[in-house]
Structures are given as structure tokens and as C-alpha cells.
Amino acid sequence: MAILGLLGLSFCQLKVMPSTLLRNLLRLSKMKIILKIIFLRTDPGGEFQNEQFENFCEELDITHNFSSPRIPQQNGVVERKNRSLEELTRTMFNEKNLPKLFWVDAVSTACYVLDRILIRPNLKLTPYEIFKGRKPNISHFKVFGCRCYVLNNGKDNLGKFDLKVDDAIFLGYFK
């Protein structure tokens, strides 16, 4: 879901989950931002074509439309954002030769980075600046898949000459 260009990701384990996640996201966005969502376009999948979801949209006074199946041109902005996320994720994987089981971390990291560095040409601002009203701090950015170290603060029985850190691979940012 893109609000003012700011990307929001929620990963689903089951096909029936998107409508529940979308309901939670719409409620959250209603609380966090002043703008009212008046229009929603989803694919015509069964997870969005049910009476419960339609009632929810009516309750929030949201017009719910469906895009035509297999016509990505109708969702131009969303399709371009998806393509950008896919290409960035693919590049990150190919650069570091990481196993594909880390795809959720890679997509989340790509989303996090794109929200803070992509500039909207007409506004000359990043999506983060539009949403938060301030410039993002990017000094903490690290290379995805690089070697990092985890401090062993809480380990019991750490010997005098035992390592104080464990080797790890950087997989993203905690939101």
C-alpha cells in the first residue's frame, strides 16, 4: 500500500489474510495521518471480493473498485513500485549470493531504503519527508548482506578470553 508514496509492507502467510491486513492498515493510517482514504483499488482476487470487506469499506466511506485482471497498466504506479522493489531485491541477492529464504528481509530492506532515498520529482521530497515532515537520517545505512557483529552482552558464563561478539550477516532494519 502506498500512502503519499510511502511504501507499507505486510507479508501474508495465507491467501485469505490480505483483507484482514488491509483492514488493520486502513485503521492504522486513519489514526496516524490526517488524510482520509476515499478510494481503494484492489485486484479482483477472492480475498477482497467478500461481503465482510465491502461492509468494512462502506463503514469507513471508502469507494472500493477492482482493477481488470491481467492488465497491469491500470495500476501503473503500484506496478512500477513493485518492479522497483523486485529489481532492488534481485540486485541485493545477486550481489551477496544469499539464500532465497531471506527474501522477506531483502524486500523489507529495499522498501525501507526506497522510502528514504527516492525523490518525488514534482515535490523534490522523499516519501519519508512528505509523511514525517523532516529529512530522513540515513547515516545508519549499511550494505545488505555485509558482515556484522552481534555483541554478547547477556551471555552467562562468558570466559575471560571468550569472544565478546558473534559473526552475523546484516539482513535489514528493525522498524
C-alpha atoms as a PDB file:
ATOM      1  CA  MET A   1       0.000   0.000   0.000  1.00  0.00           C
ATOM      2  CA  ALA A   2       1.352   3.411  -0.889  1.00  0.00           C
ATOM      3  CA  ILE A   3       0.268   6.456   1.086  1.00  0.00           C
ATOM      4  CA  LEU A   4       1.711   9.654  -0.412  1.00  0.00           C
ATOM      5  CA  GLY A   5       4.374   7.453  -1.980  1.00  0.00           C
ATOM      6  CA  LEU A   6       5.461   5.981   1.356  1.00  0.00           C
ATOM      7  CA  LEU A   7       5.504   2.223   0.990  1.00  0.00           C
ATOM      8  CA  GLY A   8       3.932  -0.067   3.538  1.00  0.00           C
ATOM      9  CA  LEU A   9       4.626  -3.781   3.533  1.00  0.00           C
ATOM     10  CA  SER A  10       2.799  -6.619   5.206  1.00  0.00           C
ATOM     11  CA  PHE A  11       3.703 -10.192   4.385  1.00  0.00           C
ATOM     12  CA  CYS A  12       0.940 -12.810   4.252  1.00  0.00           C
ATOM     13  CA  GLN A  13       1.299 -16.493   5.025  1.00  0.00           C
ATOM     14  CA  LEU A  14      -2.145 -17.405   3.716  1.00  0.00           C
ATOM     15  CA  LYS A  15      -4.163 -16.210   0.710  1.00  0.00           C
ATOM     16  CA  VAL A  16      -7.085 -15.197   2.970  1.00  0.00           C
ATOM     17  CA  MET A  17      -5.003 -12.772   5.051  1.00  0.00           C
ATOM     18  CA  PRO A  18      -4.725  -9.684   2.761  1.00  0.00           C
ATOM     19  CA  SER A  19      -8.184  -8.313   3.534  1.00  0.00           C
ATOM     20  CA  THR A  20      -7.504  -8.566   7.289  1.00  0.00           C
ATOM     21  CA  LEU A  21      -4.095  -6.917   6.893  1.00  0.00           C
ATOM     22  CA  LEU A  22      -5.583  -4.194   4.719  1.00  0.00           C
ATOM     23  CA  ARG A  23      -8.322  -3.507   7.258  1.00  0.00           C
ATOM     24  CA  ASN A  24      -5.707  -3.143  10.012  1.00  0.00           C
ATOM     25  CA  LEU A  25      -3.562  -0.918   7.799  1.00  0.00           C
ATOM     26  CA  LEU A  26      -6.520   1.318   6.913  1.00  0.00           C
ATOM     27  CA  ARG A  27      -7.445   1.682  10.584  1.00  0.00           C
ATOM     28  CA  LEU A  28      -3.822   2.470  11.440  1.00  0.00           C
ATOM     29  CA  SER A  29      -3.493   5.022   8.632  1.00  0.00           C
ATOM     30  CA  LYS A  30      -6.723   6.673   9.778  1.00  0.00           C
ATOM     31  CA  MET A  31      -5.206   7.155  13.235  1.00  0.00           C
ATOM     32  CA  LYS A  32      -1.711   8.194  12.133  1.00  0.00           C
ATOM     33  CA  ILE A  33      -2.423  10.605   9.287  1.00  0.00           C
ATOM     34  CA  ILE A  34      -4.926  13.363   8.835  1.00  0.00           C
ATOM     35  CA  LEU A  35      -5.740  12.462   5.233  1.00  0.00           C
ATOM     36  CA  LYS A  36      -8.825  10.363   4.649  1.00  0.00           C
ATOM     37  CA  ILE A  37      -8.634   7.409   2.293  1.00  0.00           C
ATOM     38  CA  ILE A  38     -11.519   7.824  -0.137  1.00  0.00           C
ATOM     39  CA  PHE A  39     -10.628   5.399  -2.923  1.00  0.00           C
ATOM     40  CA  LEU A  40      -9.201   1.892  -2.903  1.00  0.00           C
ATOM     41  CA  ARG A  41      -8.377  -0.246  -5.922  1.00  0.00           C
ATOM     42  CA  THR A  42      -7.513  -3.920  -5.446  1.00  0.00           C
ATOM     43  CA  ASP A  43      -7.134  -6.864  -7.730  1.00  0.00           C
ATOM     44  CA  PRO A  44     -10.281  -8.951  -8.250  1.00  0.00           C
ATOM     45  CA  GLY A  45      -8.959 -11.805  -6.112  1.00  0.00           C
ATOM     46  CA  GLY A  46     -11.351 -13.623  -3.823  1.00  0.00           C
ATOM     47  CA  GLU A  47      -9.702 -12.252  -0.692  1.00  0.00           C
ATOM     48  CA  PHE A  48     -11.113  -8.781  -1.485  1.00  0.00           C
ATOM     49  CA  GLN A  49     -14.424  -9.870  -3.020  1.00  0.00           C
ATOM     50  CA  ASN A  50     -16.426 -10.668   0.081  1.00  0.00           C
ATOM     51  CA  GLU A  51     -19.280  -9.067   1.945  1.00  0.00           C
ATOM     52  CA  GLN A  52     -17.264  -8.538   5.126  1.00  0.00           C
ATOM     53  CA  PHE A  53     -14.611  -6.444   3.337  1.00  0.00           C
ATOM     54  CA  GLU A  54     -17.256  -4.497   1.381  1.00  0.00           C
ATOM     55  CA  ASN A  55     -19.088  -3.690   4.632  1.00  0.00           C
ATOM     56  CA  PHE A  56     -15.810  -2.524   6.138  1.00  0.00           C
ATOM     57  CA  CYS A  57     -15.183  -0.173   3.193  1.00  0.00           C
ATOM     58  CA  GLU A  58     -18.729   1.192   3.442  1.00  0.00           C
ATOM     59  CA  GLU A  59     -18.256   1.746   7.179  1.00  0.00           C
ATOM     60  CA  LEU A  60     -15.164   3.899   6.500  1.00  0.00           C
ATOM     61  CA  ASP A  61     -16.838   5.559   3.487  1.00  0.00           C
ATOM     62  CA  ILE A  62     -14.205   4.192   1.074  1.00  0.00           C
ATOM     63  CA  THR A  63     -15.050   3.596  -2.585  1.00  0.00           C
ATOM     64  CA  HIS A  64     -13.732   0.131  -3.439  1.00  0.00           C
ATOM     65  CA  ASN A  65     -13.026  -0.681  -7.107  1.00  0.00           C
ATOM     66  CA  PHE A  66     -11.386  -3.649  -8.776  1.00  0.00           C
ATOM     67  CA  SER A  67      -8.726  -3.494 -11.447  1.00  0.00           C
ATOM     68  CA  SER A  68      -9.148  -5.580 -14.575  1.00  0.00           C
ATOM     69  CA  PRO A  69      -7.467  -8.974 -14.388  1.00  0.00           C
ATOM     70  CA  ARG A  70      -4.078  -9.283 -16.085  1.00  0.00           C
ATOM     71  CA  ILE A  71      -3.942  -5.585 -17.105  1.00  0.00           C
ATOM     72  CA  PRO A  72      -1.069  -4.065 -15.103  1.00  0.00           C
ATOM     73  CA  GLN A  73      -1.427  -0.726 -16.919  1.00  0.00           C
ATOM     74  CA  GLN A  74      -4.447   0.068 -14.726  1.00  0.00           C
ATOM     75  CA  ASN A  75      -2.225   0.007 -11.657  1.00  0.00           C
ATOM     76  CA  GLY A  76       0.698   1.885 -13.182  1.00  0.00           C
ATOM     77  CA  VAL A  77       2.083   3.464 -10.003  1.00  0.00           C
ATOM     78  CA  VAL A  78       1.763   0.277  -7.938  1.00  0.00           C
ATOM     79  CA  GLU A  79       3.247  -1.874 -10.710  1.00  0.00           C
ATOM     80  CA  ARG A  80       6.248   0.457 -11.054  1.00  0.00           C
ATOM     81  CA  LYS A  81       6.816   0.430  -7.291  1.00  0.00           C
ATOM     82  CA  ASN A  82       6.570  -3.374  -7.258  1.00  0.00           C
ATOM     83  CA  ARG A  83       9.038  -3.567 -10.142  1.00  0.00           C
ATOM     84  CA  SER A  84      11.444  -1.219  -8.316  1.00  0.00           C
ATOM     85  CA  LEU A  85      11.232  -3.364  -5.160  1.00  0.00           C
ATOM     86  CA  GLU A  86      11.743  -6.581  -7.151  1.00  0.00           C
ATOM     87  CA  GLU A  87      14.737  -5.204  -9.058  1.00  0.00           C
ATOM     88  CA  LEU A  88      16.394  -3.798  -5.946  1.00  0.00           C
ATOM     89  CA  THR A  89      15.817  -7.077  -4.083  1.00  0.00           C
ATOM     90  CA  ARG A  90      17.161  -9.120  -7.003  1.00  0.00           C
ATOM     91  CA  THR A  91      20.250  -6.898  -7.176  1.00  0.00           C
ATOM     92  CA  MET A  92      20.882  -7.245  -3.442  1.00  0.00           C
ATOM     93  CA  PHE A  93      20.624 -11.049  -3.649  1.00  0.00           C
ATOM     94  CA  ASN A  94      22.852 -11.333  -6.707  1.00  0.00           C
ATOM     95  CA  GLU A  95      25.494  -9.071  -5.187  1.00  0.00           C
ATOM     96  CA  LYS A  96      25.829 -11.074  -1.964  1.00  0.00           C
ATOM     97  CA  ASN A  97      24.847 -14.598  -3.143  1.00  0.00           C
ATOM     98  CA  LEU A  98      22.498 -15.056  -0.196  1.00  0.00           C
ATOM     99  CA  PRO A  99      19.960 -17.898   0.025  1.00  0.00           C
ATOM    100  CA  LYS A 100      16.471 -17.029  -1.229  1.00  0.00           C
ATOM    101  CA  LEU A 101      14.949 -17.800   2.177  1.00  0.00           C
ATOM    102  CA  PHE A 102      15.894 -14.252   3.208  1.00  0.00           C
ATOM    103  CA  TRP A 103      13.593 -12.710   0.575  1.00  0.00           C
ATOM    104  CA  VAL A 104      11.275 -11.125   3.186  1.00  0.00           C
ATOM    105  CA  ASP A 105      14.220  -9.351   4.816  1.00  0.00           C
ATOM    106  CA  ALA A 106      15.522  -8.215   1.431  1.00  0.00           C
ATOM    107  CA  VAL A 107      12.165  -6.794   0.292  1.00  0.00           C
ATOM    108  CA  SER A 108      11.662  -5.062   3.667  1.00  0.00           C
ATOM    109  CA  THR A 109      15.128  -3.513   3.450  1.00  0.00           C
ATOM    110  CA  ALA A 110      14.538  -2.405  -0.149  1.00  0.00           C
ATOM    111  CA  CYS A 111      11.270  -0.767   0.924  1.00  0.00           C
ATOM    112  CA  TYR A 112      12.942   0.937   3.886  1.00  0.00           C
ATOM    113  CA  VAL A 113      15.722   2.331   1.680  1.00  0.00           C
ATOM    114  CA  LEU A 114      13.451   3.428  -1.192  1.00  0.00           C
ATOM    115  CA  ASP A 115      11.215   5.391   1.199  1.00  0.00           C
ATOM    116  CA  ARG A 116      14.233   7.389   2.318  1.00  0.00           C
ATOM    117  CA  ILE A 117      16.169   7.965  -0.902  1.00  0.00           C
ATOM    118  CA  LEU A 118      13.714   8.135  -3.840  1.00  0.00           C
ATOM    119  CA  ILE A 119      12.837  11.751  -4.549  1.00  0.00           C
ATOM    120  CA  ARG A 120       9.395  12.629  -5.902  1.00  0.00           C
ATOM    121  CA  PRO A 121      10.304  14.849  -8.880  1.00  0.00           C
ATOM    122  CA  ASN A 122       7.312  17.186  -8.671  1.00  0.00           C
ATOM    123  CA  LEU A 123       7.766  17.867  -4.932  1.00  0.00           C
ATOM    124  CA  LYS A 124      11.562  17.494  -4.630  1.00  0.00           C
ATOM    125  CA  LEU A 125      10.979  15.459  -1.452  1.00  0.00           C
ATOM    126  CA  THR A 126      11.321  11.826  -0.438  1.00  0.00           C
ATOM    127  CA  PRO A 127       8.193   9.894   0.624  1.00  0.00           C
ATOM    128  CA  TYR A 128       9.575   9.893   4.176  1.00  0.00           C
ATOM    129  CA  GLU A 129       9.817  13.718   4.173  1.00  0.00           C
ATOM    130  CA  ILE A 130       6.249  14.039   2.898  1.00  0.00           C
ATOM    131  CA  PHE A 131       4.898  11.719   5.586  1.00  0.00           C
ATOM    132  CA  LYS A 132       7.045  12.734   8.577  1.00  0.00           C
ATOM    133  CA  GLY A 133       7.758  16.384   7.718  1.00  0.00           C
ATOM    134  CA  ARG A 134      11.524  16.101   8.193  1.00  0.00           C
ATOM    135  CA  LYS A 135      14.545  14.815   6.300  1.00  0.00           C
ATOM    136  CA  PRO A 136      15.377  11.158   6.901  1.00  0.00           C
ATOM    137  CA  ASN A 137      18.549  10.230   8.746  1.00  0.00           C
ATOM    138  CA  ILE A 138      20.462   7.843   6.502  1.00  0.00           C
ATOM    139  CA  SER A 139      23.768   7.823   8.393  1.00  0.00           C
ATOM    140  CA  HIS A 140      22.935   4.360   9.775  1.00  0.00           C
ATOM    141  CA  PHE A 141      22.580   2.722   6.328  1.00  0.00           C
ATOM    142  CA  LYS A 142      24.645  -0.419   5.867  1.00  0.00           C
ATOM    143  CA  VAL A 143      25.199  -2.686   2.868  1.00  0.00           C
ATOM    144  CA  PHE A 144      22.650  -5.516   2.767  1.00  0.00           C
ATOM    145  CA  GLY A 145      24.375  -8.868   3.340  1.00  0.00           C
ATOM    146  CA  CYS A 146      27.571  -7.384   4.765  1.00  0.00           C
ATOM    147  CA  ARG A 147      29.366  -8.920   7.709  1.00  0.00           C
ATOM    148  CA  CYS A 148      28.305  -7.548  11.073  1.00  0.00           C
ATOM    149  CA  TYR A 149      28.886  -8.376  14.712  1.00  0.00           C
ATOM    150  CA  VAL A 150      26.394  -9.014  17.492  1.00  0.00           C
ATOM    151  CA  LEU A 151      27.558  -8.074  20.978  1.00  0.00           C
ATOM    152  CA  ASN A 152      27.296 -10.865  23.563  1.00  0.00           C
ATOM    153  CA  ASN A 153      26.065  -8.672  26.399  1.00  0.00           C
ATOM    154  CA  GLY A 154      23.686 -11.064  28.114  1.00  0.00           C
ATOM    155  CA  LYS A 155      25.570 -14.339  27.767  1.00  0.00           C
ATOM    156  CA  ASP A 156      26.189 -16.096  31.049  1.00  0.00           C
ATOM    157  CA  ASN A 157      29.473 -17.794  31.744  1.00  0.00           C
ATOM    158  CA  LEU A 158      31.415 -15.718  29.241  1.00  0.00           C
ATOM    159  CA  GLY A 159      35.034 -16.606  29.949  1.00  0.00           C
ATOM    160  CA  LYS A 160      37.786 -14.072  30.328  1.00  0.00           C
ATOM    161  CA  PHE A 161      39.167 -14.761  26.851  1.00  0.00           C
ATOM    162  CA  ASP A 162      35.927 -15.740  25.066  1.00  0.00           C
ATOM    163  CA  LEU A 163      34.762 -13.653  22.147  1.00  0.00           C
ATOM    164  CA  LYS A 164      32.514 -10.760  23.078  1.00  0.00           C
ATOM    165  CA  VAL A 165      30.835 -10.768  19.641  1.00  0.00           C
ATOM    166  CA  ASP A 166      29.264 -13.265  17.251  1.00  0.00           C
ATOM    167  CA  ASP A 167      29.682 -13.036  13.490  1.00  0.00           C
ATOM    168  CA  ALA A 168      26.451 -12.346  11.596  1.00  0.00           C
ATOM    169  CA  ILE A 169      25.098 -11.147   8.256  1.00  0.00           C
ATOM    170  CA  PHE A 170      23.259  -7.818   8.071  1.00  0.00           C
ATOM    171  CA  LEU A 171      19.725  -8.506   6.779  1.00  0.00           C
ATOM    172  CA  GLY A 172      17.936  -5.217   7.334  1.00  0.00           C
ATOM    173  CA  TYR A 173      16.499  -2.642   9.655  1.00  0.00           C
ATOM    174  CA  PHE A 174      14.100  -3.079  12.541  1.00  0.00           C
ATOM    175  CA  LYS A 175      11.095  -0.747  12.251  1.00  0.00           C
END
